[in-house]
Each structure stands twice: as C-alpha cells, then as structure tokens.
Amino acid sequence: MSSKLILLIVFSFIAGLVFLCFGLYFLSDSFVKKMTESYPDKSEQGIKKCEFKCKGSGYVAIFFGLITIFWAILLLIFKDFFSILALIYMVLLAIAFFVLMVVFK
C-alpha cells in the first residue's frame, strides 16, 4: 500500500469523525436554541424554519461523516479500485450538496 493511500485513508477517517461531531453539535438543543434566538424572524413559522435548517444541517453533516468513513473502509478493503471508489464518492457528495441546496433554498 502506498503512503499516499495510507494518508488518504487516515485523513478520511479524521474528516468523517469531524463531520459526525459537527452533526451531533448541530442537532444539540443548545445550538438550536442559540440559532433560534439570533434568527431575525421571531414568528412561530420563522422559528420552525430555523429549527428545520439546524436539524437538517445536523443530519446532512452526519450523512457526510458516515459516507466519508464508509469510503475510507472501502479504500482499506478494495485498494485496487481506488479510482472508481473516488468517483462514486464524489458523485455522492455532489448529489448530497445539490439536495442540501434545494432543501434549504
């Protein structure tokens, strides 16, 4: 196994864990409370929209973390298919970002 591949696997695990930690933070009640307090629209509909965005961001971050960790595990198992796995990973990330942009527009 090349040193570049080992470095990529290690950084993928670290990035996945960071995404998971941020996702859990975005889902925490303290974060949602702080965001709703600073949200300019204080109506009930505005607060629900803010809560939806916070929780949606948390779930998306957790999804990115799980995808990234899963990708690192696949790299460990299928070293020879690195290029195909990287392409699939990038397509999944692009789809997730597109969905995120549409949902939070």
PDB file of N, CA and C in Angstrom:
ATOM      1  N   MET A   1       0.856  -1.175   0.000  1.00  0.00           N
ATOM      2  CA  MET A   1       0.000   0.000   0.000  1.00  0.00           C
ATOM      3  C   MET A   1       0.899   1.234   0.000  1.00  0.00           C
ATOM      4  N   SER A   2       0.567   2.184  -0.856  1.00  0.00           N
ATOM      5  CA  SER A   2       1.397   3.379  -0.974  1.00  0.00           C
ATOM      6  C   SER A   2       1.139   4.336   0.192  1.00  0.00           C
ATOM      7  N   SER A   3       2.115   5.198   0.409  1.00  0.00           N
ATOM      8  CA  SER A   3       1.986   6.155   1.510  1.00  0.00           C
ATOM      9  C   SER A   3       0.863   7.161   1.232  1.00  0.00           C
ATOM     10  N   LYS A   4       0.616   7.489  -0.040  1.00  0.00           N
ATOM     11  CA  LYS A   4      -0.473   8.408  -0.377  1.00  0.00           C
ATOM     12  C   LYS A   4      -1.824   7.797  -0.019  1.00  0.00           C
ATOM     13  N   LEU A   5      -1.979   6.526  -0.277  1.00  0.00           N
ATOM     14  CA  LEU A   5      -3.240   5.860   0.034  1.00  0.00           C
ATOM     15  C   LEU A   5      -3.447   5.772   1.545  1.00  0.00           C
ATOM     16  N   ILE A   6      -2.397   5.477   2.277  1.00  0.00           N
ATOM     17  CA  ILE A   6      -2.496   5.417   3.742  1.00  0.00           C
ATOM     18  C   ILE A   6      -2.870   6.789   4.293  1.00  0.00           C
ATOM     19  N   LEU A   7      -2.234   7.828   3.778  1.00  0.00           N
ATOM     20  CA  LEU A   7      -2.539   9.187   4.211  1.00  0.00           C
ATOM     21  C   LEU A   7      -3.991   9.555   3.889  1.00  0.00           C
ATOM     22  N   LEU A   8      -4.455   9.160   2.718  1.00  0.00           N
ATOM     23  CA  LEU A   8      -5.841   9.437   2.332  1.00  0.00           C
ATOM     24  C   LEU A   8      -6.830   8.707   3.247  1.00  0.00           C
ATOM     25  N   ILE A   9      -6.540   7.476   3.587  1.00  0.00           N
ATOM     26  CA  ILE A   9      -7.414   6.706   4.474  1.00  0.00           C
ATOM     27  C   ILE A   9      -7.459   7.341   5.864  1.00  0.00           C
ATOM     28  N   VAL A  10      -6.309   7.725   6.389  1.00  0.00           N
ATOM     29  CA  VAL A  10      -6.254   8.342   7.721  1.00  0.00           C
ATOM     30  C   VAL A  10      -7.022   9.664   7.729  1.00  0.00           C
ATOM     31  N   PHE A  11      -6.782  10.501   6.718  1.00  0.00           N
ATOM     32  CA  PHE A  11      -7.492  11.785   6.660  1.00  0.00           C
ATOM     33  C   PHE A  11      -8.990  11.596   6.433  1.00  0.00           C
ATOM     34  N   SER A  12      -9.373  10.555   5.708  1.00  0.00           N
ATOM     35  CA  SER A  12     -10.798  10.284   5.508  1.00  0.00           C
ATOM     36  C   SER A  12     -11.470   9.911   6.823  1.00  0.00           C
ATOM     37  N   PHE A  13     -10.811   9.068   7.623  1.00  0.00           N
ATOM     38  CA  PHE A  13     -11.365   8.730   8.936  1.00  0.00           C
ATOM     39  C   PHE A  13     -11.491   9.969   9.818  1.00  0.00           C
ATOM     40  N   ILE A  14     -10.459  10.800   9.815  1.00  0.00           N
ATOM     41  CA  ILE A  14     -10.490  12.021  10.632  1.00  0.00           C
ATOM     42  C   ILE A  14     -11.599  12.961  10.164  1.00  0.00           C
ATOM     43  N   ALA A  15     -11.702  13.152   8.847  1.00  0.00           N
ATOM     44  CA  ALA A  15     -12.747  14.027   8.308  1.00  0.00           C
ATOM     45  C   ALA A  15     -14.135  13.476   8.620  1.00  0.00           C
ATOM     46  N   GLY A  16     -14.302  12.172   8.522  1.00  0.00           N
ATOM     47  CA  GLY A  16     -15.584  11.557   8.848  1.00  0.00           C
ATOM     48  C   GLY A  16     -15.966  11.773  10.299  1.00  0.00           C
ATOM     49  N   LEU A  17     -14.998  11.630  11.192  1.00  0.00           N
ATOM     50  CA  LEU A  17     -15.271  11.863  12.611  1.00  0.00           C
ATOM     51  C   LEU A  17     -15.603  13.328  12.889  1.00  0.00           C
ATOM     52  N   VAL A  18     -14.921  14.233  12.193  1.00  0.00           N
ATOM     53  CA  VAL A  18     -15.208  15.657  12.370  1.00  0.00           C
ATOM     54  C   VAL A  18     -16.625  15.974  11.884  1.00  0.00           C
ATOM     55  N   PHE A  19     -17.010  15.423  10.731  1.00  0.00           N
ATOM     56  CA  PHE A  19     -18.381  15.615  10.242  1.00  0.00           C
ATOM     57  C   PHE A  19     -19.391  15.078  11.250  1.00  0.00           C
ATOM     58  N   LEU A  20     -19.126  13.913  11.809  1.00  0.00           N
ATOM     59  CA  LEU A  20     -20.048  13.345  12.796  1.00  0.00           C
ATOM     60  C   LEU A  20     -20.166  14.228  14.036  1.00  0.00           C
ATOM     61  N   CYS A  21     -19.041  14.731  14.511  1.00  0.00           N
ATOM     62  CA  CYS A  21     -19.068  15.601  15.694  1.00  0.00           C
ATOM     63  C   CYS A  21     -19.851  16.882  15.424  1.00  0.00           C
ATOM     64  N   PHE A  22     -19.619  17.499  14.260  1.00  0.00           N
ATOM     65  CA  PHE A  22     -20.367  18.707  13.929  1.00  0.00           C
ATOM     66  C   PHE A  22     -21.849  18.408  13.750  1.00  0.00           C
ATOM     67  N   GLY A  23     -22.175  17.270  13.159  1.00  0.00           N
ATOM     68  CA  GLY A  23     -23.574  16.897  13.004  1.00  0.00           C
ATOM     69  C   GLY A  23     -24.270  16.748  14.340  1.00  0.00           C
ATOM     70  N   LEU A  24     -23.609  16.101  15.278  1.00  0.00           N
ATOM     71  CA  LEU A  24     -24.188  15.958  16.612  1.00  0.00           C
ATOM     72  C   LEU A  24     -24.327  17.309  17.308  1.00  0.00           C
ATOM     73  N   TYR A  25     -23.362  18.192  17.087  1.00  0.00           N
ATOM     74  CA  TYR A  25     -23.456  19.531  17.667  1.00  0.00           C
ATOM     75  C   TYR A  25     -24.619  20.307  17.059  1.00  0.00           C
ATOM     76  N   PHE A  26     -24.781  20.218  15.727  1.00  0.00           N
ATOM     77  CA  PHE A  26     -25.886  20.929  15.077  1.00  0.00           C
ATOM     78  C   PHE A  26     -27.239  20.419  15.544  1.00  0.00           C
ATOM     79  N   LEU A  27     -27.315  19.176  15.969  1.00  0.00           N
ATOM     80  CA  LEU A  27     -28.572  18.614  16.445  1.00  0.00           C
ATOM     81  C   LEU A  27     -28.822  18.884  17.928  1.00  0.00           C
ATOM     82  N   SER A  28     -27.826  19.399  18.627  1.00  0.00           N
ATOM     83  CA  SER A  28     -27.976  19.614  20.062  1.00  0.00           C
ATOM     84  C   SER A  28     -28.967  20.744  20.334  1.00  0.00           C
ATOM     85  N   ASP A  29     -29.637  20.641  21.460  1.00  0.00           N
ATOM     86  CA  ASP A  29     -30.636  21.642  21.837  1.00  0.00           C
ATOM     87  C   ASP A  29     -30.013  23.017  22.066  1.00  0.00           C
ATOM     88  N   SER A  30     -28.800  23.041  22.595  1.00  0.00           N
ATOM     89  CA  SER A  30     -28.160  24.338  22.855  1.00  0.00           C
ATOM     90  C   SER A  30     -27.871  25.088  21.552  1.00  0.00           C
ATOM     91  N   PHE A  31     -27.440  24.375  20.530  1.00  0.00           N
ATOM     92  CA  PHE A  31     -27.167  25.022  19.249  1.00  0.00           C
ATOM     93  C   PHE A  31     -28.461  25.532  18.620  1.00  0.00           C
ATOM     94  N   VAL A  32     -29.488  24.693  18.630  1.00  0.00           N
ATOM     95  CA  VAL A  32     -30.775  25.095  18.046  1.00  0.00           C
ATOM     96  C   VAL A  32     -31.342  26.303  18.795  1.00  0.00           C
ATOM     97  N   LYS A  33     -31.202  26.310  20.112  1.00  0.00           N
ATOM     98  CA  LYS A  33     -31.701  27.427  20.920  1.00  0.00           C
ATOM     99  C   LYS A  33     -30.959  28.721  20.579  1.00  0.00           C
ATOM    100  N   LYS A  34     -29.623  28.634  20.465  1.00  0.00           N
ATOM    101  CA  LYS A  34     -28.841  29.819  20.126  1.00  0.00           C
ATOM    102  C   LYS A  34     -29.200  30.348  18.746  1.00  0.00           C
ATOM    103  N   MET A  35     -29.409  29.457  17.805  1.00  0.00           N
ATOM    104  CA  MET A  35     -29.741  29.880  16.450  1.00  0.00           C
ATOM    105  C   MET A  35     -31.128  30.507  16.379  1.00  0.00           C
ATOM    106  N   THR A  36     -32.092  29.926  17.087  1.00  0.00           N
ATOM    107  CA  THR A  36     -33.441  30.500  17.057  1.00  0.00           C
ATOM    108  C   THR A  36     -33.492  31.847  17.771  1.00  0.00           C
ATOM    109  N   GLU A  37     -32.650  32.019  18.789  1.00  0.00           N
ATOM    110  CA  GLU A  37     -32.603  33.310  19.483  1.00  0.00           C
ATOM    111  C   GLU A  37     -32.029  34.403  18.586  1.00  0.00           C
ATOM    112  N   SER A  38     -31.085  34.051  17.740  1.00  0.00           N
ATOM    113  CA  SER A  38     -30.459  35.060  16.887  1.00  0.00           C
ATOM    114  C   SER A  38     -31.127  35.172  15.517  1.00  0.00           C
ATOM    115  N   TYR A  39     -32.128  34.340  15.245  1.00  0.00           N
ATOM    116  CA  TYR A  39     -32.818  34.378  13.954  1.00  0.00           C
ATOM    117  C   TYR A  39     -33.670  35.646  13.888  1.00  0.00           C
ATOM    118  N   PRO A  40     -33.608  36.401  12.783  1.00  0.00           N
ATOM    119  CA  PRO A  40     -34.319  37.681  12.739  1.00  0.00           C
ATOM    120  C   PRO A  40     -35.852  37.554  12.739  1.00  0.00           C
ATOM    121  N   ASP A  41     -36.385  36.478  12.176  1.00  0.00           N
ATOM    122  CA  ASP A  41     -37.834  36.296  12.128  1.00  0.00           C
ATOM    123  C   ASP A  41     -38.280  35.578  13.400  1.00  0.00           C
ATOM    124  N   LYS A  42     -38.918  36.309  14.300  1.00  0.00           N
ATOM    125  CA  LYS A  42     -39.307  35.747  15.600  1.00  0.00           C
ATOM    126  C   LYS A  42     -40.701  35.124  15.595  1.00  0.00           C
ATOM    127  N   SER A  43     -41.331  35.067  14.426  1.00  0.00           N
ATOM    128  CA  SER A  43     -42.656  34.443  14.372  1.00  0.00           C
ATOM    129  C   SER A  43     -42.515  32.931  14.550  1.00  0.00           C
ATOM    130  N   GLU A  44     -43.635  32.286  14.816  1.00  0.00           N
ATOM    131  CA  GLU A  44     -43.600  30.828  15.030  1.00  0.00           C
ATOM    132  C   GLU A  44     -43.129  30.108  13.774  1.00  0.00           C
ATOM    133  N   GLN A  45     -43.573  30.589  12.612  1.00  0.00           N
ATOM    134  CA  GLN A  45     -43.150  29.980  11.359  1.00  0.00           C
ATOM    135  C   GLN A  45     -41.650  30.184  11.128  1.00  0.00           C
ATOM    136  N   GLY A  46     -41.127  31.353  11.464  1.00  0.00           N
ATOM    137  CA  GLY A  46     -39.705  31.632  11.317  1.00  0.00           C
ATOM    138  C   GLY A  46     -38.855  30.768  12.233  1.00  0.00           C
ATOM    139  N   ILE A  47     -39.320  30.561  13.456  1.00  0.00           N
ATOM    140  CA  ILE A  47     -38.586  29.729  14.403  1.00  0.00           C
ATOM    141  C   ILE A  47     -38.581  28.270  13.934  1.00  0.00           C
ATOM    142  N   LYS A  48     -39.713  27.804  13.407  1.00  0.00           N
ATOM    143  CA  LYS A  48     -39.769  26.423  12.896  1.00  0.00           C
ATOM    144  C   LYS A  48     -38.849  26.261  11.699  1.00  0.00           C
ATOM    145  N   LYS A  49     -38.783  27.278  10.847  1.00  0.00           N
ATOM    146  CA  LYS A  49     -37.889  27.230   9.689  1.00  0.00           C
ATOM    147  C   LYS A  49     -36.435  27.173  10.136  1.00  0.00           C
ATOM    148  N   CYS A  50     -36.100  27.956  11.154  1.00  0.00           N
ATOM    149  CA  CYS A  50     -34.732  27.951  11.688  1.00  0.00           C
ATOM    150  C   CYS A  50     -34.392  26.599  12.304  1.00  0.00           C
ATOM    151  N   GLU A  51     -35.312  26.036  13.068  1.00  0.00           N
ATOM    152  CA  GLU A  51     -35.086  24.709  13.655  1.00  0.00           C
ATOM    153  C   GLU A  51     -34.919  23.654  12.574  1.00  0.00           C
ATOM    154  N   PHE A  52     -35.714  23.746  11.506  1.00  0.00           N
ATOM    155  CA  PHE A  52     -35.602  22.808  10.400  1.00  0.00           C
ATOM    156  C   PHE A  52     -34.227  22.896   9.749  1.00  0.00           C
ATOM    157  N   LYS A  53     -33.732  24.112   9.547  1.00  0.00           N
ATOM    158  CA  LYS A  53     -32.413  24.296   8.947  1.00  0.00           C
ATOM    159  C   LYS A  53     -31.312  23.748   9.851  1.00  0.00           C
ATOM    160  N   CYS A  54     -31.418  23.971  11.151  1.00  0.00           N
ATOM    161  CA  CYS A  54     -30.413  23.464  12.088  1.00  0.00           C
ATOM    162  C   CYS A  54     -30.386  21.936  12.085  1.00  0.00           C
ATOM    163  N   LYS A  55     -31.559  21.351  12.213  1.00  0.00           N
ATOM    164  CA  LYS A  55     -31.622  19.890  12.257  1.00  0.00           C
ATOM    165  C   LYS A  55     -31.246  19.283  10.913  1.00  0.00           C
ATOM    166  N   GLY A  56     -31.646  19.930   9.838  1.00  0.00           N
ATOM    167  CA  GLY A  56     -31.257  19.449   8.514  1.00  0.00           C
ATOM    168  C   GLY A  56     -29.757  19.498   8.320  1.00  0.00           C
ATOM    169  N   SER A  57     -29.135  20.571   8.788  1.00  0.00           N
ATOM    170  CA  SER A  57     -27.670  20.678   8.706  1.00  0.00           C
ATOM    171  C   SER A  57     -26.999  19.584   9.520  1.00  0.00           C
ATOM    172  N   GLY A  58     -27.564  19.281  10.675  1.00  0.00           N
ATOM    173  CA  GLY A  58     -27.003  18.220  11.510  1.00  0.00           C
ATOM    174  C   GLY A  58     -27.089  16.867  10.846  1.00  0.00           C
ATOM    175  N   TYR A  59     -28.243  16.558  10.261  1.00  0.00           N
ATOM    176  CA  TYR A  59     -28.404  15.259   9.594  1.00  0.00           C
ATOM    177  C   TYR A  59     -27.521  15.152   8.355  1.00  0.00           C
ATOM    178  N   VAL A  60     -27.377  16.246   7.621  1.00  0.00           N
ATOM    179  CA  VAL A  60     -26.504  16.233   6.440  1.00  0.00           C
ATOM    180  C   VAL A  60     -25.051  16.039   6.861  1.00  0.00           C
ATOM    181  N   ALA A  61     -24.622  16.701   7.921  1.00  0.00           N
ATOM    182  CA  ALA A  61     -23.245  16.532   8.393  1.00  0.00           C
ATOM    183  C   ALA A  61     -22.998  15.101   8.859  1.00  0.00           C
ATOM    184  N   ILE A  62     -23.965  14.509   9.537  1.00  0.00           N
ATOM    185  CA  ILE A  62     -23.820  13.111   9.955  1.00  0.00           C
ATOM    186  C   ILE A  62     -23.756  12.198   8.728  1.00  0.00           C
ATOM    187  N   PHE A  63     -24.588  12.477   7.720  1.00  0.00           N
ATOM    188  CA  PHE A  63     -24.560  11.691   6.486  1.00  0.00           C
ATOM    189  C   PHE A  63     -23.191  11.794   5.819  1.00  0.00           C
ATOM    190  N   PHE A  64     -22.649  13.015   5.719  1.00  0.00           N
ATOM    191  CA  PHE A  64     -21.319  13.183   5.132  1.00  0.00           C
ATOM    192  C   PHE A  64     -20.263  12.423   5.926  1.00  0.00           C
ATOM    193  N   GLY A  65     -20.367  12.460   7.245  1.00  0.00           N
ATOM    194  CA  GLY A  65     -19.412  11.744   8.082  1.00  0.00           C
ATOM    195  C   GLY A  65     -19.475  10.243   7.864  1.00  0.00           C
ATOM    196  N   LEU A  66     -20.677   9.710   7.817  1.00  0.00           N
ATOM    197  CA  LEU A  66     -20.821   8.267   7.598  1.00  0.00           C
ATOM    198  C   LEU A  66     -20.339   7.857   6.211  1.00  0.00           C
ATOM    199  N   ILE A  67     -20.660   8.664   5.208  1.00  0.00           N
ATOM    200  CA  ILE A  67     -20.198   8.368   3.846  1.00  0.00           C
ATOM    201  C   ILE A  67     -18.670   8.400   3.785  1.00  0.00           C
ATOM    202  N   THR A  68     -18.067   9.375   4.435  1.00  0.00           N
ATOM    203  CA  THR A  68     -16.613   9.513   4.400  1.00  0.00           C
ATOM    204  C   THR A  68     -15.929   8.359   5.127  1.00  0.00           C
ATOM    205  N   ILE A  69     -16.450   7.962   6.267  1.00  0.00           N
ATOM    206  CA  ILE A  69     -15.875   6.826   6.989  1.00  0.00           C
ATOM    207  C   ILE A  69     -16.070   5.535   6.194  1.00  0.00           C
ATOM    208  N   PHE A  70     -17.255   5.369   5.607  1.00  0.00           N
ATOM    209  CA  PHE A  70     -17.518   4.188   4.784  1.00  0.00           C
ATOM    210  C   PHE A  70     -16.570   4.143   3.586  1.00  0.00           C
ATOM    211  N   TRP A  71     -16.301   5.310   2.993  1.00  0.00           N
ATOM    212  CA  TRP A  71     -15.379   5.373   1.870  1.00  0.00           C
ATOM    213  C   TRP A  71     -13.961   4.969   2.309  1.00  0.00           C
ATOM    214  N   ALA A  72     -13.538   5.412   3.475  1.00  0.00           N
ATOM    215  CA  ALA A  72     -12.213   5.041   3.974  1.00  0.00           C
ATOM    216  C   ALA A  72     -12.128   3.532   4.210  1.00  0.00           C
ATOM    217  N   ILE A  73     -13.200   2.940   4.722  1.00  0.00           N
ATOM    218  CA  ILE A  73     -13.210   1.484   4.931  1.00  0.00           C
ATOM    219  C   ILE A  73     -13.139   0.759   3.596  1.00  0.00           C
ATOM    220  N   LEU A  74     -13.879   1.258   2.608  1.00  0.00           N
ATOM    221  CA  LEU A  74     -13.818   0.636   1.282  1.00  0.00           C
ATOM    222  C   LEU A  74     -12.423   0.753   0.681  1.00  0.00           C
ATOM    223  N   LEU A  75     -11.746   1.870   0.928  1.00  0.00           N
ATOM    224  CA  LEU A  75     -10.371   2.015   0.438  1.00  0.00           C
ATOM    225  C   LEU A  75      -9.434   0.998   1.090  1.00  0.00           C
ATOM    226  N   LEU A  76      -9.681   0.702   2.355  1.00  0.00           N
ATOM    227  CA  LEU A  76      -8.866  -0.314   3.020  1.00  0.00           C
ATOM    228  C   LEU A  76      -9.088  -1.695   2.412  1.00  0.00           C
ATOM    229  N   ILE A  77     -10.333  -1.986   2.073  1.00  0.00           N
ATOM    230  CA  ILE A  77     -10.669  -3.317   1.576  1.00  0.00           C
ATOM    231  C   ILE A  77     -10.338  -3.465   0.093  1.00  0.00           C
ATOM    232  N   PHE A  78     -10.712  -2.478  -0.708  1.00  0.00           N
ATOM    233  CA  PHE A  78     -10.557  -2.555  -2.165  1.00  0.00           C
ATOM    234  C   PHE A  78      -9.548  -1.530  -2.653  1.00  0.00           C
ATOM    235  N   LYS A  79      -8.288  -1.755  -2.363  1.00  0.00           N
ATOM    236  CA  LYS A  79      -7.238  -0.810  -2.728  1.00  0.00           C
ATOM    237  C   LYS A  79      -7.094  -0.649  -4.240  1.00  0.00           C
ATOM    238  N   ASP A  80      -7.360  -1.723  -4.980  1.00  0.00           N
ATOM    239  CA  ASP A  80      -7.158  -1.687  -6.420  1.00  0.00           C
ATOM    240  C   ASP A  80      -8.214  -0.879  -7.160  1.00  0.00           C
ATOM    241  N   PHE A  81      -9.342  -0.630  -6.529  1.00  0.00           N
ATOM    242  CA  PHE A  81     -10.429   0.101  -7.165  1.00  0.00           C
ATOM    243  C   PHE A  81     -10.517   1.539  -6.660  1.00  0.00           C
ATOM    244  N   PHE A  82      -9.373   2.123  -6.350  1.00  0.00           N
ATOM    245  CA  PHE A  82      -9.324   3.461  -5.778  1.00  0.00           C
ATOM    246  C   PHE A  82     -10.005   4.491  -6.673  1.00  0.00           C
ATOM    247  N   SER A  83      -9.716   4.480  -7.967  1.00  0.00           N
ATOM    248  CA  SER A  83     -10.257   5.488  -8.880  1.00  0.00           C
ATOM    249  C   SER A  83     -11.772   5.403  -8.979  1.00  0.00           C
ATOM    250  N   ILE A  84     -12.304   4.204  -9.077  1.00  0.00           N
ATOM    251  CA  ILE A  84     -13.752   4.025  -9.171  1.00  0.00           C
ATOM    252  C   ILE A  84     -14.420   4.443  -7.869  1.00  0.00           C
ATOM    253  N   LEU A  85     -13.825   4.058  -6.744  1.00  0.00           N
ATOM    254  CA  LEU A  85     -14.387   4.441  -5.442  1.00  0.00           C
ATOM    255  C   LEU A  85     -14.373   5.958  -5.257  1.00  0.00           C
ATOM    256  N   ALA A  86     -13.305   6.602  -5.703  1.00  0.00           N
ATOM    257  CA  ALA A  86     -13.222   8.060  -5.583  1.00  0.00           C
ATOM    258  C   ALA A  86     -14.281   8.731  -6.441  1.00  0.00           C
ATOM    259  N   LEU A  87     -14.521   8.203  -7.624  1.00  0.00           N
ATOM    260  CA  LEU A  87     -15.556   8.767  -8.491  1.00  0.00           C
ATOM    261  C   LEU A  87     -16.943   8.611  -7.862  1.00  0.00           C
ATOM    262  N   ILE A  88     -17.237   7.448  -7.337  1.00  0.00           N
ATOM    263  CA  ILE A  88     -18.529   7.204  -6.686  1.00  0.00           C
ATOM    264  C   ILE A  88     -18.694   8.125  -5.479  1.00  0.00           C
ATOM    265  N   TYR A  89     -17.639   8.285  -4.688  1.00  0.00           N
ATOM    266  CA  TYR A  89     -17.674   9.151  -3.515  1.00  0.00           C
ATOM    267  C   TYR A  89     -17.957  10.596  -3.922  1.00  0.00           C
ATOM    268  N   MET A  90     -17.289  11.072  -4.957  1.00  0.00           N
ATOM    269  CA  MET A  90     -17.500  12.451  -5.397  1.00  0.00           C
ATOM    270  C   MET A  90     -18.912  12.657  -5.950  1.00  0.00           C
ATOM    271  N   VAL A  91     -19.438  11.673  -6.656  1.00  0.00           N
ATOM    272  CA  VAL A  91     -20.812  11.778  -7.168  1.00  0.00           C
ATOM    273  C   VAL A  91     -21.802  11.834  -6.001  1.00  0.00           C
ATOM    274  N   LEU A  92     -21.594  10.993  -4.979  1.00  0.00           N
ATOM    275  CA  LEU A  92     -22.473  11.026  -3.813  1.00  0.00           C
ATOM    276  C   LEU A  92     -22.407  12.369  -3.095  1.00  0.00           C
ATOM    277  N   LEU A  93     -21.222  12.928  -2.968  1.00  0.00           N
ATOM    278  CA  LEU A  93     -21.091  14.244  -2.339  1.00  0.00           C
ATOM    279  C   LEU A  93     -21.777  15.323  -3.162  1.00  0.00           C
ATOM    280  N   ALA A  94     -21.634  15.263  -4.479  1.00  0.00           N
ATOM    281  CA  ALA A  94     -22.280  16.263  -5.331  1.00  0.00           C
ATOM    282  C   ALA A  94     -23.799  16.163  -5.218  1.00  0.00           C
ATOM    283  N   ILE A  95     -24.332  14.949  -5.202  1.00  0.00           N
ATOM    284  CA  ILE A  95     -25.777  14.763  -5.049  1.00  0.00           C
ATOM    285  C   ILE A  95     -26.237  15.297  -3.701  1.00  0.00           C
ATOM    286  N   ALA A  96     -25.480  15.003  -2.650  1.00  0.00           N
ATOM    287  CA  ALA A  96     -25.859  15.470  -1.312  1.00  0.00           C
ATOM    288  C   ALA A  96     -25.833  16.996  -1.235  1.00  0.00           C
ATOM    289  N   PHE A  97     -24.834  17.636  -1.829  1.00  0.00           N
ATOM    290  CA  PHE A  97     -24.789  19.098  -1.823  1.00  0.00           C
ATOM    291  C   PHE A  97     -25.951  19.680  -2.625  1.00  0.00           C
ATOM    292  N   PHE A  98     -26.302  19.055  -3.745  1.00  0.00           N
ATOM    293  CA  PHE A  98     -27.434  19.528  -4.544  1.00  0.00           C
ATOM    294  C   PHE A  98     -28.732  19.437  -3.735  1.00  0.00           C
ATOM    295  N   VAL A  99     -28.948  18.321  -3.079  1.00  0.00           N
ATOM    296  CA  VAL A  99     -30.141  18.158  -2.256  1.00  0.00           C
ATOM    297  C   VAL A  99     -30.151  19.180  -1.127  1.00  0.00           C
ATOM    298  N   LEU A 100     -29.020  19.406  -0.515  1.00  0.00           N
ATOM    299  CA  LEU A 100     -28.905  20.398   0.555  1.00  0.00           C
ATOM    300  C   LEU A 100     -29.264  21.801   0.061  1.00  0.00           C
ATOM    301  N   MET A 101     -28.784  22.150  -1.105  1.00  0.00           N
ATOM    302  CA  MET A 101     -29.080  23.478  -1.656  1.00  0.00           C
ATOM    303  C   MET A 101     -30.561  23.628  -1.992  1.00  0.00           C
ATOM    304  N   VAL A 102     -31.177  22.576  -2.511  1.00  0.00           N
ATOM    305  CA  VAL A 102     -32.588  22.641  -2.866  1.00  0.00           C
ATOM    306  C   VAL A 102     -33.453  22.711  -1.607  1.00  0.00           C
ATOM    307  N   VAL A 103     -33.132  21.917  -0.613  1.00  0.00           N
ATOM    308  CA  VAL A 103     -33.936  21.886   0.602  1.00  0.00           C
ATOM    309  C   VAL A 103     -33.841  23.189   1.376  1.00  0.00           C
ATOM    310  N   PHE A 104     -32.682  23.793   1.455  1.00  0.00           N
ATOM    311  CA  PHE A 104     -32.504  24.990   2.271  1.00  0.00           C
ATOM    312  C   PHE A 104     -32.643  26.291   1.510  1.00  0.00           C
ATOM    313  N   LYS A 105     -33.111  26.235   0.277  1.00  0.00           N
ATOM    314  CA  LYS A 105     -33.258  27.445  -0.517  1.00  0.00           C
ATOM    315  C   LYS A 105     -34.322  28.337   0.030  1.00  0.00           C
TER     316      LYS A 105
END
